[in-house]
Amino acid sequence: MENETQLLRSLLDAQHGVATTVQLRACGITPKSVRHHVETGQWLRVFRNVICVTNGPLSRDMELQAALLYGGGSAILSHDTAAHEWGMLRRPAGPVHLTVPRNCSAISQPPTLRHVLMRPTSLSNACIHPGVVLHRSLAIEHIGVDTDLRRTSKEDTVLDLAVSAPTAHEGSAAFVSAMTNGRVSVSAMRRKIELRRPRRYKKILLDALSLLAGGVQSVLEFRYATDVERAHGLPSGRRQAPHHVGDRVLFEDVEYSEGGLIVRLDGRQFHSARNVRFRDRLRDNAAELSERPRLVYGWQEVSQDPCGVYREVREVLVREGWTDASYPCEKCCAVVRSGAAQGT
């Protein structure tokens, strides 16, 4: 009996207070005892055959552990959940995403709710678990890494996010965001794509990888390169161009050789406001002293009005001596057609 008690304690310590009914039975807890604890509200039935030996809210580690136990011994955290654990996604975590072997019998589960008639509770405490989203893979043995809670590798997580996006454009943006936030190297990602060919979007992902290798460091910079420069035939600016200011080296997001135009892409919400203001003052003063023109854009302008950004950049480039070789994109043409239709 003492050995079974010690075994149970060790199991619950290792699994964040969550266990399967099979594991509980091995520790001397009978099905009748489990049922009694659940029905009296002392324990929680998270999923079928997965029990949490508490009646309070589950921590995120407990939610993840419960999902892994439900998915079986080969299950690993993947997609949005793995990305959140790797620090690639900043948004709050939702349902737990798992990848399981192709022949796994488990299926996705909706959120698990408390039985309010059994024991009344507040609305904020009504949800036991946010649910499970299952993905199946034939290569599951090759994509996981042994972290505390087993998950897909950084490179595989990036690929999963990209190919799961509904469109190629969204997939490439997810790809760049995950790589930059997760600090995944271009060389490691290139090797992974060679070993695990994406089931779709391969060409555009390799294109995005080339932009990352060329100095793009954020989704904002990626959208500027694709939606403003490439879509309109603008010259490709130099990324992360270094400038010596006193004893410091500061980097400009985009610099054009045509007239020395500097384009700054302001993602300051992800940085210390005080440091950004100081850095930008130094860069502004240096640009003014060297008589270099500069334009500044944020996420809203680049994502919502790339054609307007293009027109302003083109105007300054032409003013500084660039021979205009740009052209309107499909969105520009659609706006023109819409205006002409309204005029008639």
Protein backbone atom coordinates (compact mmCIF):
# COMPACT_ATOMS: atom_id res chain seq x y z
CA MET A 1 0.00 0.00 0.00
CA GLU A 2 2.81 2.39 0.88
CA ASN A 3 4.59 1.60 -2.37
CA GLU A 4 1.39 2.29 -4.35
CA THR A 5 0.93 5.63 -2.56
CA GLN A 6 4.52 6.64 -3.31
CA LEU A 7 4.06 5.54 -6.94
CA LEU A 8 0.92 7.66 -7.22
CA ARG A 9 2.66 10.73 -5.79
CA SER A 10 5.59 10.33 -8.18
CA LEU A 11 3.23 9.91 -11.12
CA LEU A 12 1.17 12.99 -10.27
CA ASP A 13 4.31 15.07 -9.68
CA ALA A 14 5.67 14.08 -13.09
CA GLN A 15 2.35 14.64 -14.89
CA HIS A 16 1.16 17.88 -13.25
CA GLY A 17 -1.59 16.15 -11.28
CA VAL A 18 -3.16 14.44 -14.30
CA ALA A 19 -3.29 10.69 -15.00
CA THR A 20 -5.11 8.10 -17.07
CA THR A 21 -7.48 5.62 -15.45
CA VAL A 22 -5.05 2.85 -16.41
CA GLN A 23 -2.23 4.61 -14.55
CA LEU A 24 -4.46 5.16 -11.51
CA ARG A 25 -5.43 1.50 -11.52
CA ALA A 26 -1.73 0.55 -11.51
CA CYS A 27 -1.34 2.72 -8.39
CA GLY A 28 -4.12 0.88 -6.58
CA ILE A 29 -7.01 3.28 -7.35
CA THR A 30 -10.03 1.22 -8.41
CA PRO A 31 -12.51 2.34 -11.09
CA LYS A 32 -15.17 2.56 -8.37
CA SER A 33 -12.98 4.93 -6.34
CA VAL A 34 -12.25 7.07 -9.41
CA ARG A 35 -15.96 7.30 -10.21
CA HIS A 36 -16.74 8.29 -6.60
CA HIS A 37 -14.13 11.07 -6.59
CA VAL A 38 -15.43 12.43 -9.89
CA GLU A 39 -19.12 12.24 -9.00
CA THR A 40 -18.57 14.00 -5.67
CA GLY A 41 -16.60 16.78 -7.40
CA GLN A 42 -13.26 16.03 -5.74
CA TRP A 43 -11.62 15.11 -9.05
CA LEU A 44 -12.29 16.17 -12.63
CA ARG A 45 -12.81 13.95 -15.66
CA VAL A 46 -10.99 15.98 -18.31
CA PHE A 47 -11.50 13.49 -21.15
CA ARG A 48 -12.58 9.89 -21.36
CA ASN A 49 -10.07 7.94 -19.26
CA VAL A 50 -8.13 11.10 -18.31
CA ILE A 51 -8.51 12.32 -14.73
CA CYS A 52 -7.22 15.39 -12.90
CA VAL A 53 -6.91 14.87 -9.14
CA THR A 54 -8.14 18.37 -8.27
CA ASN A 55 -11.41 20.28 -8.60
CA GLY A 56 -9.94 23.71 -9.31
CA PRO A 57 -9.03 25.39 -12.62
CA LEU A 58 -6.36 23.62 -14.64
CA SER A 59 -3.07 25.38 -15.28
CA ARG A 60 -1.81 25.47 -18.86
CA ASP A 61 0.70 22.69 -18.08
CA MET A 62 -2.17 20.56 -16.78
CA GLU A 63 -4.20 21.25 -19.94
CA LEU A 64 -1.27 20.26 -22.13
CA GLN A 65 -0.55 17.12 -20.11
CA ALA A 66 -4.19 16.04 -20.20
CA ALA A 67 -4.28 16.47 -23.97
CA LEU A 68 -1.09 14.43 -24.42
CA LEU A 69 -2.46 11.62 -22.25
CA TYR A 70 -5.67 11.65 -24.26
CA GLY A 71 -3.72 11.50 -27.56
CA GLY A 72 -1.69 8.48 -26.46
CA GLY A 73 1.98 7.73 -25.92
CA SER A 74 3.11 8.94 -29.36
CA ALA A 75 1.25 12.27 -29.29
CA ILE A 76 3.24 15.52 -29.41
CA LEU A 77 2.29 19.18 -29.11
CA SER A 78 2.22 20.84 -32.52
CA HIS A 79 0.98 23.74 -34.67
CA ASP A 80 -0.32 26.74 -32.64
CA THR A 81 0.36 25.04 -29.29
CA ALA A 82 3.96 24.16 -30.07
CA ALA A 83 4.46 27.63 -31.56
CA HIS A 84 3.18 29.21 -28.35
CA GLU A 85 5.52 27.04 -26.29
CA TRP A 86 8.47 28.01 -28.53
CA GLY A 87 7.61 31.72 -28.19
CA MET A 88 6.62 32.07 -31.85
CA LEU A 89 3.05 33.19 -31.12
CA ARG A 90 2.16 35.96 -28.70
CA ARG A 91 -1.60 35.51 -28.72
CA PRO A 92 -3.23 33.64 -25.79
CA ALA A 93 -3.27 29.87 -26.17
CA GLY A 94 -6.58 28.22 -27.12
CA PRO A 95 -7.36 24.56 -27.85
CA VAL A 96 -4.40 22.22 -27.57
CA HIS A 97 -3.06 21.13 -30.97
CA LEU A 98 -1.57 17.64 -31.12
CA THR A 99 0.02 15.58 -33.85
CA VAL A 100 -0.58 11.84 -33.56
CA PRO A 101 0.28 8.81 -35.73
CA ARG A 102 -1.92 8.31 -38.79
CA ASN A 103 -3.52 5.17 -37.28
CA CYS A 104 -4.36 6.74 -33.90
CA SER A 105 -8.01 6.19 -32.92
CA ALA A 106 -8.35 9.45 -30.96
CA ILE A 107 -10.39 12.30 -32.47
CA SER A 108 -10.53 16.05 -31.87
CA GLN A 109 -12.45 17.08 -28.77
CA PRO A 110 -14.56 20.18 -28.02
CA PRO A 111 -14.04 22.07 -24.76
CA THR A 112 -14.83 20.04 -21.64
CA LEU A 113 -17.38 21.77 -19.40
CA ARG A 114 -18.28 21.15 -15.78
CA HIS A 115 -21.56 19.48 -14.96
CA VAL A 116 -23.17 22.48 -13.24
CA LEU A 117 -26.01 20.41 -11.80
CA MET A 118 -23.49 18.31 -9.89
CA ARG A 119 -21.71 21.21 -8.26
CA PRO A 120 -22.63 24.85 -9.10
CA THR A 121 -19.70 27.04 -10.12
CA SER A 122 -18.98 30.49 -11.56
CA LEU A 123 -19.07 31.01 -15.31
CA SER A 124 -15.34 31.74 -15.34
CA ASN A 125 -14.73 28.29 -13.85
CA ALA A 126 -17.20 26.40 -16.04
CA CYS A 127 -14.66 25.26 -18.66
CA ILE A 128 -12.42 22.43 -17.51
CA HIS A 129 -10.35 22.15 -20.70
CA PRO A 130 -10.31 24.22 -23.96
CA GLY A 131 -10.43 21.12 -26.16
CA VAL A 132 -8.07 19.27 -28.49
CA VAL A 133 -7.38 19.65 -32.22
CA LEU A 134 -5.74 16.56 -33.71
CA HIS A 135 -3.43 16.41 -36.73
CA ARG A 136 -2.14 13.14 -38.17
CA SER A 137 1.31 12.42 -39.56
CA LEU A 138 3.22 9.48 -41.01
CA ALA A 139 6.51 11.13 -40.06
CA ILE A 140 5.75 11.70 -36.38
CA GLU A 141 8.88 9.82 -35.27
CA HIS A 142 11.05 12.38 -37.07
CA ILE A 143 9.44 15.71 -36.16
CA GLY A 144 9.34 15.67 -32.34
CA VAL A 145 11.90 16.81 -29.76
CA ASP A 146 12.19 15.71 -26.14
CA THR A 147 11.19 18.80 -24.17
CA ASP A 148 9.41 18.59 -20.79
CA LEU A 149 6.16 18.17 -22.71
CA ARG A 150 7.13 16.61 -26.03
CA ARG A 151 6.52 18.89 -29.03
CA THR A 152 7.44 19.36 -32.68
CA SER A 153 10.86 20.85 -33.39
CA LYS A 154 11.12 24.55 -34.12
CA GLU A 155 11.59 23.99 -37.84
CA ASP A 156 8.68 21.53 -38.08
CA THR A 157 6.47 23.90 -36.11
CA VAL A 158 7.23 26.70 -38.58
CA LEU A 159 6.32 24.45 -41.52
CA ASP A 160 3.10 23.27 -39.84
CA LEU A 161 1.95 26.85 -39.27
CA ALA A 162 2.76 27.86 -42.84
CA VAL A 163 1.10 24.99 -44.70
CA SER A 164 -1.98 25.15 -42.43
CA ALA A 165 -2.72 28.74 -43.50
CA PRO A 166 -5.73 29.12 -45.85
CA THR A 167 -3.81 31.04 -48.53
CA ALA A 168 -0.23 31.18 -49.79
CA HIS A 169 0.02 34.85 -48.80
CA GLU A 170 -1.05 34.12 -45.21
CA GLY A 171 1.17 31.05 -45.17
CA SER A 172 4.26 33.02 -46.11
CA ALA A 173 3.47 35.66 -43.48
CA ALA A 174 3.03 32.96 -40.81
CA PHE A 175 6.30 31.41 -41.97
CA VAL A 176 8.26 34.66 -41.61
CA SER A 177 6.62 35.53 -38.28
CA ALA A 178 7.34 32.12 -36.74
CA MET A 179 10.93 32.09 -37.98
CA THR A 180 11.75 35.56 -36.68
CA ASN A 181 9.92 35.19 -33.34
CA GLY A 182 11.34 31.71 -32.80
CA ARG A 183 14.83 32.72 -33.96
CA VAL A 184 15.05 29.85 -36.41
CA SER A 185 18.12 30.07 -38.64
CA VAL A 186 17.76 30.25 -42.41
CA SER A 187 20.22 27.38 -42.89
CA ALA A 188 18.34 25.10 -40.47
CA MET A 189 15.05 25.90 -42.18
CA ARG A 190 16.49 25.26 -45.62
CA ARG A 191 17.72 21.84 -44.51
CA LYS A 192 14.32 21.01 -43.03
CA ILE A 193 12.51 21.91 -46.28
CA GLU A 194 14.88 19.62 -48.17
CA LEU A 195 14.18 16.76 -45.76
CA ARG A 196 10.46 17.38 -45.26
CA ARG A 197 8.97 18.80 -48.40
CA PRO A 198 5.95 21.04 -47.60
CA ARG A 199 2.70 19.60 -48.94
CA ARG A 200 1.88 23.02 -50.42
CA TYR A 201 3.30 26.55 -50.77
CA LYS A 202 6.86 25.25 -51.27
CA LYS A 203 7.82 27.83 -53.91
CA ILE A 204 6.57 30.85 -51.96
CA LEU A 205 8.12 29.57 -48.72
CA LEU A 206 11.51 29.24 -50.41
CA ASP A 207 11.01 32.75 -51.75
CA ALA A 208 10.28 34.01 -48.23
CA LEU A 209 13.38 32.19 -47.01
CA SER A 210 15.46 34.07 -49.60
CA LEU A 211 14.09 37.38 -48.30
CA LEU A 212 14.97 36.38 -44.74
CA ALA A 213 18.48 35.50 -45.90
CA GLY A 214 18.64 38.94 -47.53
CA GLY A 215 17.97 40.80 -44.28
CA VAL A 216 14.19 40.81 -43.75
CA GLN A 217 13.62 40.54 -40.00
CA SER A 218 9.87 40.81 -39.44
CA VAL A 219 6.48 40.26 -41.04
CA LEU A 220 6.20 44.02 -41.57
CA GLU A 221 9.45 44.07 -43.55
CA PHE A 222 8.32 40.98 -45.48
CA ARG A 223 5.00 42.61 -46.41
CA TYR A 224 6.83 45.75 -47.53
CA ALA A 225 9.19 43.70 -49.72
CA THR A 226 6.39 41.68 -51.34
CA ASP A 227 3.36 44.00 -51.39
CA VAL A 228 5.13 47.31 -52.00
CA GLU A 229 8.43 46.62 -53.78
CA ARG A 230 7.87 43.43 -55.76
CA ALA A 231 4.19 43.98 -56.53
CA HIS A 232 4.94 47.37 -58.11
CA GLY A 233 8.33 46.84 -59.71
CA LEU A 234 10.23 49.11 -57.34
CA PRO A 235 13.97 48.49 -56.92
CA SER A 236 14.91 46.17 -54.09
CA GLY A 237 16.34 48.20 -51.26
CA ARG A 238 19.28 47.19 -49.12
CA ARG A 239 18.06 45.57 -45.89
CA GLN A 240 19.52 46.43 -42.48
CA ALA A 241 21.97 48.90 -43.95
CA PRO A 242 24.59 49.85 -41.31
CA HIS A 243 25.41 53.50 -40.54
CA HIS A 244 28.07 54.71 -38.13
CA VAL A 245 26.80 57.40 -35.77
CA GLY A 246 29.58 58.41 -33.42
CA ASP A 247 30.79 55.21 -31.77
CA ARG A 248 27.57 53.34 -32.54
CA VAL A 249 26.41 51.33 -35.54
CA LEU A 250 22.72 51.84 -36.33
CA PHE A 251 20.77 49.94 -38.96
CA GLU A 252 18.18 51.25 -41.39
CA ASP A 253 15.37 48.87 -42.38
CA VAL A 254 15.54 49.68 -46.10
CA GLU A 255 17.94 51.96 -47.99
CA TYR A 256 17.87 52.63 -51.73
CA SER A 257 21.00 53.42 -53.69
CA GLU A 258 18.80 55.69 -55.84
CA GLY A 259 19.21 59.00 -54.01
CA GLY A 260 19.90 57.34 -50.65
CA LEU A 261 16.21 57.13 -49.71
CA ILE A 262 15.67 55.52 -46.32
CA VAL A 263 12.42 53.68 -45.54
CA ARG A 264 11.81 52.86 -41.90
CA LEU A 265 9.26 50.25 -40.95
CA ASP A 266 8.01 51.08 -37.51
CA GLY A 267 7.27 47.99 -35.40
CA ARG A 268 7.92 49.78 -32.14
CA GLN A 269 5.11 47.94 -30.30
CA PHE A 270 7.54 45.05 -29.95
CA HIS A 271 10.38 47.14 -28.53
CA SER A 272 11.13 49.37 -25.59
CA ALA A 273 9.60 52.77 -26.40
CA ARG A 274 12.41 54.64 -24.65
CA ASN A 275 15.16 52.81 -26.55
CA VAL A 276 13.32 53.25 -29.85
CA ARG A 277 12.92 57.00 -29.38
CA PHE A 278 16.62 57.40 -28.58
CA ARG A 279 17.70 55.25 -31.52
CA ASP A 280 15.38 57.06 -33.92
CA ARG A 281 16.63 60.47 -32.82
CA LEU A 282 20.18 59.40 -33.60
CA ARG A 283 19.15 58.00 -36.99
CA ASP A 284 17.07 61.10 -37.84
CA ASN A 285 19.91 63.45 -37.01
CA ALA A 286 22.41 61.37 -38.98
CA ALA A 287 20.11 61.22 -42.02
CA GLU A 288 19.48 64.98 -41.88
CA LEU A 289 23.17 65.79 -41.64
CA SER A 290 23.90 63.63 -44.68
CA GLU A 291 20.85 65.05 -46.54
CA ARG A 292 19.23 61.67 -47.09
CA PRO A 293 15.44 61.61 -47.58
CA ARG A 294 13.44 59.27 -45.38
CA LEU A 295 9.93 57.87 -45.15
CA VAL A 296 8.38 56.02 -42.20
CA TYR A 297 5.56 53.46 -42.33
CA GLY A 298 3.86 51.20 -39.82
CA TRP A 299 1.84 48.01 -40.01
CA GLN A 300 -1.43 49.75 -40.87
CA GLU A 301 -0.11 51.60 -43.92
CA VAL A 302 1.85 48.64 -45.34
CA SER A 303 -0.86 46.04 -44.77
CA GLN A 304 -3.93 48.15 -45.55
CA ASP A 305 -2.64 50.53 -48.24
CA PRO A 306 0.50 49.14 -49.90
CA CYS A 307 -0.40 50.94 -53.14
CA GLY A 308 -0.41 54.29 -51.33
CA VAL A 309 2.98 53.48 -49.82
CA TYR A 310 4.26 52.55 -53.29
CA ARG A 311 3.16 55.89 -54.78
CA GLU A 312 4.97 57.87 -52.08
CA VAL A 313 8.17 55.82 -52.33
CA ARG A 314 8.13 56.08 -56.13
CA GLU A 315 7.64 59.86 -55.96
CA VAL A 316 10.70 60.33 -53.74
CA LEU A 317 12.82 57.91 -55.79
CA VAL A 318 11.96 59.72 -59.03
CA ARG A 319 12.64 63.08 -57.40
CA GLU A 320 16.06 61.81 -56.35
CA GLY A 321 16.93 60.75 -59.90
CA TRP A 322 15.61 57.21 -60.31
CA THR A 323 14.32 56.36 -63.79
CA ASP A 324 10.79 55.15 -63.15
CA ALA A 325 10.36 51.50 -64.14
CA SER A 326 7.50 50.71 -61.77
CA TYR A 327 3.98 49.64 -62.65
CA PRO A 328 0.58 49.41 -60.94
CA CYS A 329 -0.37 46.13 -59.27
CA GLU A 330 -3.72 44.37 -59.53
CA LYS A 331 -5.04 46.27 -56.51
CA CYS A 332 -4.07 49.59 -58.08
CA CYS A 333 -5.88 48.64 -61.29
CA ALA A 334 -8.95 47.53 -59.34
CA VAL A 335 -9.13 50.93 -57.62
CA VAL A 336 -8.85 52.71 -60.97
CA ARG A 337 -11.59 50.55 -62.50
CA SER A 338 -13.81 51.11 -59.49
CA GLY A 339 -13.32 54.89 -59.71
CA ALA A 340 -14.05 54.90 -63.43
CA ALA A 341 -17.23 52.90 -62.89
CA GLN A 342 -18.44 55.30 -60.24
CA GLY A 343 -17.68 58.25 -62.51
CA THR A 344 -19.94 56.88 -65.21
